[in-house]
Amino acid sequence: MSKLTVSFGLRVREQRKLKQISQEKLAFLSNIDRSYMGRIERGEVNITIEKIYELAKSLDVSVKDLLPDDV
């Protein structure tokens, strides 16, 4: 796990909780398997830029809100 993927996953989890969306619902809205969603939030996987945009859209935030400030 790289610091970048862990930081990204934490940002996704933070935004999801702020929006009061379950991990399962976010996975469904983003067309991502629920178990894979968990791996994203734990920083265990690198995801494609397309999935980053899907997550941002599903969370109704900008992509910038999901990207770590510094790594």
PDB file of N, CA and C in Angstrom:
ATOM      1  N   MET A   1       0.840  -1.179   0.000  1.00  0.00           N
ATOM      2  CA  MET A   1       0.000   0.000   0.000  1.00  0.00           C
ATOM      3  C   MET A   1       0.882   1.239   0.000  1.00  0.00           C
ATOM      4  N   SER A   2       0.649   2.091  -0.955  1.00  0.00           N
ATOM      5  CA  SER A   2       1.413   3.326  -0.989  1.00  0.00           C
ATOM      6  C   SER A   2       0.684   4.393  -0.175  1.00  0.00           C
ATOM      7  N   LYS A   3       1.437   5.383   0.232  1.00  0.00           N
ATOM      8  CA  LYS A   3       0.860   6.491   0.993  1.00  0.00           C
ATOM      9  C   LYS A   3      -0.243   7.176   0.183  1.00  0.00           C
ATOM     10  N   LEU A   4      -0.060   7.278  -1.122  1.00  0.00           N
ATOM     11  CA  LEU A   4      -1.046   7.922  -1.990  1.00  0.00           C
ATOM     12  C   LEU A   4      -2.366   7.155  -2.008  1.00  0.00           C
ATOM     13  N   THR A   5      -2.311   5.835  -2.188  1.00  0.00           N
ATOM     14  CA  THR A   5      -3.559   5.064  -2.249  1.00  0.00           C
ATOM     15  C   THR A   5      -4.269   5.051  -0.901  1.00  0.00           C
ATOM     16  N   VAL A   6      -3.505   5.028   0.179  1.00  0.00           N
ATOM     17  CA  VAL A   6      -4.112   5.071   1.505  1.00  0.00           C
ATOM     18  C   VAL A   6      -4.780   6.430   1.735  1.00  0.00           C
ATOM     19  N   SER A   7      -4.096   7.498   1.384  1.00  0.00           N
ATOM     20  CA  SER A   7      -4.658   8.846   1.547  1.00  0.00           C
ATOM     21  C   SER A   7      -5.909   9.027   0.696  1.00  0.00           C
ATOM     22  N   PHE A   8      -5.873   8.527  -0.525  1.00  0.00           N
ATOM     23  CA  PHE A   8      -7.044   8.619  -1.398  1.00  0.00           C
ATOM     24  C   PHE A   8      -8.219   7.859  -0.783  1.00  0.00           C
ATOM     25  N   GLY A   9      -7.965   6.652  -0.320  1.00  0.00           N
ATOM     26  CA  GLY A   9      -9.021   5.845   0.283  1.00  0.00           C
ATOM     27  C   GLY A   9      -9.649   6.516   1.488  1.00  0.00           C
ATOM     28  N   LEU A  10      -8.821   7.148   2.300  1.00  0.00           N
ATOM     29  CA  LEU A  10      -9.338   7.863   3.467  1.00  0.00           C
ATOM     30  C   LEU A  10     -10.215   9.041   3.053  1.00  0.00           C
ATOM     31  N   ARG A  11      -9.833   9.722   1.975  1.00  0.00           N
ATOM     32  CA  ARG A  11     -10.639  10.851   1.481  1.00  0.00           C
ATOM     33  C   ARG A  11     -11.988  10.356   0.968  1.00  0.00           C
ATOM     34  N   VAL A  12     -11.984   9.235   0.273  1.00  0.00           N
ATOM     35  CA  VAL A  12     -13.245   8.661  -0.216  1.00  0.00           C
ATOM     36  C   VAL A  12     -14.135   8.312   0.971  1.00  0.00           C
ATOM     37  N   ARG A  13     -13.578   7.625   1.955  1.00  0.00           N
ATOM     38  CA  ARG A  13     -14.349   7.235   3.146  1.00  0.00           C
ATOM     39  C   ARG A  13     -14.902   8.464   3.872  1.00  0.00           C
ATOM     40  N   GLU A  14     -14.068   9.489   4.006  1.00  0.00           N
ATOM     41  CA  GLU A  14     -14.493  10.722   4.680  1.00  0.00           C
ATOM     42  C   GLU A  14     -15.678  11.362   3.960  1.00  0.00           C
ATOM     43  N   GLN A  15     -15.582  11.469   2.641  1.00  0.00           N
ATOM     44  CA  GLN A  15     -16.670  12.072   1.868  1.00  0.00           C
ATOM     45  C   GLN A  15     -17.934  11.211   1.929  1.00  0.00           C
ATOM     46  N   ARG A  16     -17.757   9.902   1.883  1.00  0.00           N
ATOM     47  CA  ARG A  16     -18.901   8.996   1.949  1.00  0.00           C
ATOM     48  C   ARG A  16     -19.634   9.156   3.277  1.00  0.00           C
ATOM     49  N   LYS A  17     -18.877   9.240   4.351  1.00  0.00           N
ATOM     50  CA  LYS A  17     -19.498   9.386   5.669  1.00  0.00           C
ATOM     51  C   LYS A  17     -20.152  10.749   5.832  1.00  0.00           C
ATOM     52  N   LEU A  18     -19.525  11.785   5.275  1.00  0.00           N
ATOM     53  CA  LEU A  18     -20.135  13.120   5.319  1.00  0.00           C
ATOM     54  C   LEU A  18     -21.491  13.137   4.615  1.00  0.00           C
ATOM     55  N   LYS A  19     -21.586  12.372   3.539  1.00  0.00           N
ATOM     56  CA  LYS A  19     -22.833  12.289   2.763  1.00  0.00           C
ATOM     57  C   LYS A  19     -23.805  11.261   3.343  1.00  0.00           C
ATOM     58  N   GLN A  20     -23.362  10.561   4.400  1.00  0.00           N
ATOM     59  CA  GLN A  20     -24.169   9.540   5.064  1.00  0.00           C
ATOM     60  C   GLN A  20     -24.647   8.460   4.083  1.00  0.00           C
ATOM     61  N   ILE A  21     -23.674   7.982   3.304  1.00  0.00           N
ATOM     62  CA  ILE A  21     -23.927   6.918   2.325  1.00  0.00           C
ATOM     63  C   ILE A  21     -23.194   5.672   2.797  1.00  0.00           C
ATOM     64  N   SER A  22     -23.851   4.537   2.729  1.00  0.00           N
ATOM     65  CA  SER A  22     -23.180   3.297   3.102  1.00  0.00           C
ATOM     66  C   SER A  22     -22.157   2.927   2.025  1.00  0.00           C
ATOM     67  N   GLN A  23     -21.208   2.124   2.418  1.00  0.00           N
ATOM     68  CA  GLN A  23     -20.211   1.645   1.461  1.00  0.00           C
ATOM     69  C   GLN A  23     -20.892   0.861   0.340  1.00  0.00           C
ATOM     70  N   GLU A  24     -21.867   0.069   0.700  1.00  0.00           N
ATOM     71  CA  GLU A  24     -22.603  -0.727  -0.282  1.00  0.00           C
ATOM     72  C   GLU A  24     -23.324   0.166  -1.289  1.00  0.00           C
ATOM     73  N   LYS A  25     -23.963   1.229  -0.812  1.00  0.00           N
ATOM     74  CA  LYS A  25     -24.684   2.130  -1.714  1.00  0.00           C
ATOM     75  C   LYS A  25     -23.722   2.872  -2.632  1.00  0.00           C
ATOM     76  N   LEU A  26     -22.602   3.334  -2.089  1.00  0.00           N
ATOM     77  CA  LEU A  26     -21.625   4.026  -2.923  1.00  0.00           C
ATOM     78  C   LEU A  26     -21.082   3.089  -3.996  1.00  0.00           C
ATOM     79  N   ALA A  27     -20.813   1.862  -3.624  1.00  0.00           N
ATOM     80  CA  ALA A  27     -20.339   0.883  -4.600  1.00  0.00           C
ATOM     81  C   ALA A  27     -21.367   0.705  -5.712  1.00  0.00           C
ATOM     82  N   PHE A  28     -22.626   0.580  -5.341  1.00  0.00           N
ATOM     83  CA  PHE A  28     -23.700   0.412  -6.326  1.00  0.00           C
ATOM     84  C   PHE A  28     -23.785   1.634  -7.245  1.00  0.00           C
ATOM     85  N   LEU A  29     -23.781   2.831  -6.665  1.00  0.00           N
ATOM     86  CA  LEU A  29     -23.884   4.061  -7.455  1.00  0.00           C
ATOM     87  C   LEU A  29     -22.709   4.247  -8.406  1.00  0.00           C
ATOM     88  N   SER A  30     -21.558   3.704  -8.019  1.00  0.00           N
ATOM     89  CA  SER A  30     -20.332   3.872  -8.802  1.00  0.00           C
ATOM     90  C   SER A  30     -20.018   2.676  -9.695  1.00  0.00           C
ATOM     91  N   ASN A  31     -20.907   1.691  -9.712  1.00  0.00           N
ATOM     92  CA  ASN A  31     -20.678   0.479 -10.501  1.00  0.00           C
ATOM     93  C   ASN A  31     -19.381  -0.223 -10.116  1.00  0.00           C
ATOM     94  N   ILE A  32     -19.175  -0.343  -8.798  1.00  0.00           N
ATOM     95  CA  ILE A  32     -17.995  -0.998  -8.248  1.00  0.00           C
ATOM     96  C   ILE A  32     -18.484  -2.107  -7.314  1.00  0.00           C
ATOM     97  N   ASP A  33     -17.831  -3.246  -7.344  1.00  0.00           N
ATOM     98  CA  ASP A  33     -18.163  -4.321  -6.416  1.00  0.00           C
ATOM     99  C   ASP A  33     -17.955  -3.836  -4.982  1.00  0.00           C
ATOM    100  N   ARG A  34     -18.834  -4.217  -4.066  1.00  0.00           N
ATOM    101  CA  ARG A  34     -18.769  -3.740  -2.690  1.00  0.00           C
ATOM    102  C   ARG A  34     -17.454  -4.105  -2.010  1.00  0.00           C
ATOM    103  N   SER A  35     -16.975  -5.308  -2.238  1.00  0.00           N
ATOM    104  CA  SER A  35     -15.712  -5.706  -1.607  1.00  0.00           C
ATOM    105  C   SER A  35     -14.540  -4.901  -2.180  1.00  0.00           C
ATOM    106  N   TYR A  36     -14.599  -4.577  -3.464  1.00  0.00           N
ATOM    107  CA  TYR A  36     -13.567  -3.745  -4.087  1.00  0.00           C
ATOM    108  C   TYR A  36     -13.619  -2.335  -3.515  1.00  0.00           C
ATOM    109  N   MET A  37     -14.831  -1.852  -3.231  1.00  0.00           N
ATOM    110  CA  MET A  37     -14.999  -0.540  -2.620  1.00  0.00           C
ATOM    111  C   MET A  37     -14.278  -0.494  -1.276  1.00  0.00           C
ATOM    112  N   GLY A  38     -14.392  -1.549  -0.504  1.00  0.00           N
ATOM    113  CA  GLY A  38     -13.688  -1.632   0.772  1.00  0.00           C
ATOM    114  C   GLY A  38     -12.182  -1.587   0.589  1.00  0.00           C
ATOM    115  N   ARG A  39     -11.707  -2.259  -0.424  1.00  0.00           N
ATOM    116  CA  ARG A  39     -10.263  -2.263  -0.709  1.00  0.00           C
ATOM    117  C   ARG A  39      -9.784  -0.883  -1.134  1.00  0.00           C
ATOM    118  N   ILE A  40     -10.636  -0.153  -1.869  1.00  0.00           N
ATOM    119  CA  ILE A  40     -10.296   1.230  -2.258  1.00  0.00           C
ATOM    120  C   ILE A  40     -10.160   2.085  -1.003  1.00  0.00           C
ATOM    121  N   GLU A  41     -11.146   2.012  -0.122  1.00  0.00           N
ATOM    122  CA  GLU A  41     -11.133   2.833   1.090  1.00  0.00           C
ATOM    123  C   GLU A  41      -9.977   2.480   2.019  1.00  0.00           C
ATOM    124  N   ARG A  42      -9.514   1.252   1.990  1.00  0.00           N
ATOM    125  CA  ARG A  42      -8.371   0.849   2.813  1.00  0.00           C
ATOM    126  C   ARG A  42      -7.034   1.135   2.124  1.00  0.00           C
ATOM    127  N   GLY A  43      -7.088   1.615   0.888  1.00  0.00           N
ATOM    128  CA  GLY A  43      -5.859   1.942   0.168  1.00  0.00           C
ATOM    129  C   GLY A  43      -5.103   0.737  -0.332  1.00  0.00           C
ATOM    130  N   GLU A  44      -5.808  -0.350  -0.575  1.00  0.00           N
ATOM    131  CA  GLU A  44      -5.155  -1.589  -0.999  1.00  0.00           C
ATOM    132  C   GLU A  44      -5.021  -1.735  -2.510  1.00  0.00           C
ATOM    133  N   VAL A  45      -5.695  -0.875  -3.270  1.00  0.00           N
ATOM    134  CA  VAL A  45      -5.672  -1.001  -4.727  1.00  0.00           C
ATOM    135  C   VAL A  45      -5.490   0.361  -5.391  1.00  0.00           C
ATOM    136  N   ASN A  46      -4.915   0.321  -6.572  1.00  0.00           N
ATOM    137  CA  ASN A  46      -4.876   1.507  -7.428  1.00  0.00           C
ATOM    138  C   ASN A  46      -6.098   1.437  -8.336  1.00  0.00           C
ATOM    139  N   ILE A  47      -6.791   2.543  -8.484  1.00  0.00           N
ATOM    140  CA  ILE A  47      -7.965   2.518  -9.356  1.00  0.00           C
ATOM    141  C   ILE A  47      -7.726   3.416 -10.560  1.00  0.00           C
ATOM    142  N   THR A  48      -8.539   3.220 -11.574  1.00  0.00           N
ATOM    143  CA  THR A  48      -8.390   4.001 -12.802  1.00  0.00           C
ATOM    144  C   THR A  48      -8.952   5.399 -12.607  1.00  0.00           C
ATOM    145  N   ILE A  49      -8.531   6.279 -13.451  1.00  0.00           N
ATOM    146  CA  ILE A  49      -9.032   7.649 -13.410  1.00  0.00           C
ATOM    147  C   ILE A  49     -10.543   7.676 -13.679  1.00  0.00           C
ATOM    148  N   GLU A  50     -11.010   6.745 -14.497  1.00  0.00           N
ATOM    149  CA  GLU A  50     -12.453   6.667 -14.755  1.00  0.00           C
ATOM    150  C   GLU A  50     -13.221   6.380 -13.464  1.00  0.00           C
ATOM    151  N   LYS A  51     -12.688   5.480 -12.635  1.00  0.00           N
ATOM    152  CA  LYS A  51     -13.346   5.150 -11.369  1.00  0.00           C
ATOM    153  C   LYS A  51     -13.273   6.321 -10.388  1.00  0.00           C
ATOM    154  N   ILE A  52     -12.197   7.077 -10.424  1.00  0.00           N
ATOM    155  CA  ILE A  52     -12.112   8.266  -9.566  1.00  0.00           C
ATOM    156  C   ILE A  52     -13.230   9.237  -9.920  1.00  0.00           C
ATOM    157  N   TYR A  53     -13.449   9.435 -11.217  1.00  0.00           N
ATOM    158  CA  TYR A  53     -14.526  10.331 -11.648  1.00  0.00           C
ATOM    159  C   TYR A  53     -15.897   9.765 -11.301  1.00  0.00           C
ATOM    160  N   GLU A  54     -16.056   8.454 -11.402  1.00  0.00           N
ATOM    161  CA  GLU A  54     -17.328   7.811 -11.021  1.00  0.00           C
ATOM    162  C   GLU A  54     -17.615   8.031  -9.539  1.00  0.00           C
ATOM    163  N   LEU A  55     -16.605   7.838  -8.719  1.00  0.00           N
ATOM    164  CA  LEU A  55     -16.773   8.036  -7.285  1.00  0.00           C
ATOM    165  C   LEU A  55     -17.133   9.484  -6.967  1.00  0.00           C
ATOM    166  N   ALA A  56     -16.432  10.416  -7.599  1.00  0.00           N
ATOM    167  CA  ALA A  56     -16.718  11.832  -7.368  1.00  0.00           C
ATOM    168  C   ALA A  56     -18.151  12.170  -7.763  1.00  0.00           C
ATOM    169  N   LYS A  57     -18.575  11.661  -8.900  1.00  0.00           N
ATOM    170  CA  LYS A  57     -19.944  11.905  -9.360  1.00  0.00           C
ATOM    171  C   LYS A  57     -20.961  11.305  -8.385  1.00  0.00           C
ATOM    172  N   SER A  58     -20.716  10.090  -7.958  1.00  0.00           N
ATOM    173  CA  SER A  58     -21.633   9.416  -7.040  1.00  0.00           C
ATOM    174  C   SER A  58     -21.715  10.123  -5.689  1.00  0.00           C
ATOM    175  N   LEU A  59     -20.603  10.721  -5.269  1.00  0.00           N
ATOM    176  CA  LEU A  59     -20.572  11.442  -3.997  1.00  0.00           C
ATOM    177  C   LEU A  59     -20.981  12.906  -4.146  1.00  0.00           C
ATOM    178  N   ASP A  60     -21.169  13.336  -5.382  1.00  0.00           N
ATOM    179  CA  ASP A  60     -21.525  14.730  -5.681  1.00  0.00           C
ATOM    180  C   ASP A  60     -20.465  15.694  -5.130  1.00  0.00           C
ATOM    181  N   VAL A  61     -19.211  15.359  -5.426  1.00  0.00           N
ATOM    182  CA  VAL A  61     -18.079  16.207  -5.054  1.00  0.00           C
ATOM    183  C   VAL A  61     -17.176  16.341  -6.278  1.00  0.00           C
ATOM    184  N   SER A  62     -16.251  17.273  -6.221  1.00  0.00           N
ATOM    185  CA  SER A  62     -15.296  17.382  -7.320  1.00  0.00           C
ATOM    186  C   SER A  62     -14.196  16.338  -7.131  1.00  0.00           C
ATOM    187  N   VAL A  63     -13.545  15.984  -8.204  1.00  0.00           N
ATOM    188  CA  VAL A  63     -12.435  15.036  -8.140  1.00  0.00           C
ATOM    189  C   VAL A  63     -11.377  15.563  -7.170  1.00  0.00           C
ATOM    190  N   LYS A  64     -11.177  16.861  -7.191  1.00  0.00           N
ATOM    191  CA  LYS A  64     -10.190  17.492  -6.313  1.00  0.00           C
ATOM    192  C   LYS A  64     -10.460  17.179  -4.846  1.00  0.00           C
ATOM    193  N   ASP A  65     -11.722  17.044  -4.465  1.00  0.00           N
ATOM    194  CA  ASP A  65     -12.085  16.731  -3.078  1.00  0.00           C
ATOM    195  C   ASP A  65     -11.620  15.339  -2.658  1.00  0.00           C
ATOM    196  N   LEU A  66     -11.391  14.477  -3.619  1.00  0.00           N
ATOM    197  CA  LEU A  66     -10.970  13.109  -3.311  1.00  0.00           C
ATOM    198  C   LEU A  66      -9.458  12.933  -3.345  1.00  0.00           C
ATOM    199  N   LEU A  67      -8.771  13.851  -4.001  1.00  0.00           N
ATOM    200  CA  LEU A  67      -7.316  13.724  -4.143  1.00  0.00           C
ATOM    201  C   LEU A  67      -6.589  14.297  -2.937  1.00  0.00           C
ATOM    202  N   PRO A  68      -5.608  13.570  -2.422  1.00  0.00           N
ATOM    203  CA  PRO A  68      -4.838  14.063  -1.282  1.00  0.00           C
ATOM    204  C   PRO A  68      -4.096  15.353  -1.645  1.00  0.00           C
ATOM    205  N   ASP A  69      -3.954  16.238  -0.662  1.00  0.00           N
ATOM    206  CA  ASP A  69      -3.255  17.503  -0.885  1.00  0.00           C
ATOM    207  C   ASP A  69      -1.760  17.302  -1.093  1.00  0.00           C
ATOM    208  N   ASP A  70      -1.181  16.477  -0.256  1.00  0.00           N
ATOM    209  CA  ASP A  70       0.250  16.190  -0.392  1.00  0.00           C
ATOM    210  C   ASP A  70       0.509  14.761   0.036  1.00  0.00           C
ATOM    211  N   VAL A  71       1.495  14.195  -0.589  1.00  0.00           N
ATOM    212  CA  VAL A  71       1.812  12.803  -0.299  1.00  0.00           C
ATOM    213  C   VAL A  71       3.301  12.648  -0.140  1.00  0.00           C
TER     214      VAL A  71
END
